[in-house]
Amino acid sequence: MYEFSEIGWLKHVIFHPVEGFEDLRWKKRGSLKFSVVIIFMLFFSMLAEYRLQGFQYNTHYTKIFNVVPLILRSVIFYITWCVGNWSICTLFDGEGTFKNICIYTSYALVPFIVFSFVSTFLSNILILDEAVWIEFFNWLGFGWSLILMVQAMRAVHQYSFGKTLVSMLATVGAMFILLFLLVLVLLLFQQVYNFIYTVYMEIQYRIMG
């Protein structure tokens, strides 16, 4: 087996996913801190697309900037994927720990992040007739990360290829359930806050009155 730095391990799994993730598992390598940096880069790639994309391609209304959807599409989706996959694979007898799921998932997202930055850069120098190149790099990053994700989940849980696909589809379903429950909790907290605020204002009104 190989011995790399953290950057070296990342390159190893990106360019040699079949043996890379297996080596990563058996060597018990991979950094959670490094994973956090990668997810921040995912957020910044979406932020760059929103704010720095060429004016010919940018369909966002940039005069009003809201960071919440970007956090939802990056950090929250990543967390729900990891929680959902850990929950599902606990039922499917997966061998991966929650820490390893977080690490392997973030490593698999690197091509998507890199080519997102590339597409944002190209959008500022290519005309609309050359948009096919931007689409090409977008799909290349997505497809590469999808291949890495399948291999990452197969290696971390020691599944067969078919069971890996089933567990990933089940994880997507679990993500929707988790996000639905999260919305319900947020709405509940909002109602409680509104109730407490209303009671406080009523008491204050009567005291002042």
Foldseek 3Di string as FASTA:
>chain_A
DDDDDQVVLLVCCLVPVQVSLLCCVVVVDFDLVVLVVLLVLQLVLVVCCQPQAAPQPHPDPPVDDDSVVSCCVGVVLLVLLLVLLVVLVVVVQFQADSSLSSRQLSSLLVLQSVLSNVLRVVRNVDDPVPCVVSVVSNVVSVVSSVVSNLSNQCNRRVHDSVVSVVSSVSSVVSSVVVVVVVVVVVVVVVVVVVVVVVVVVVVVVVVVD
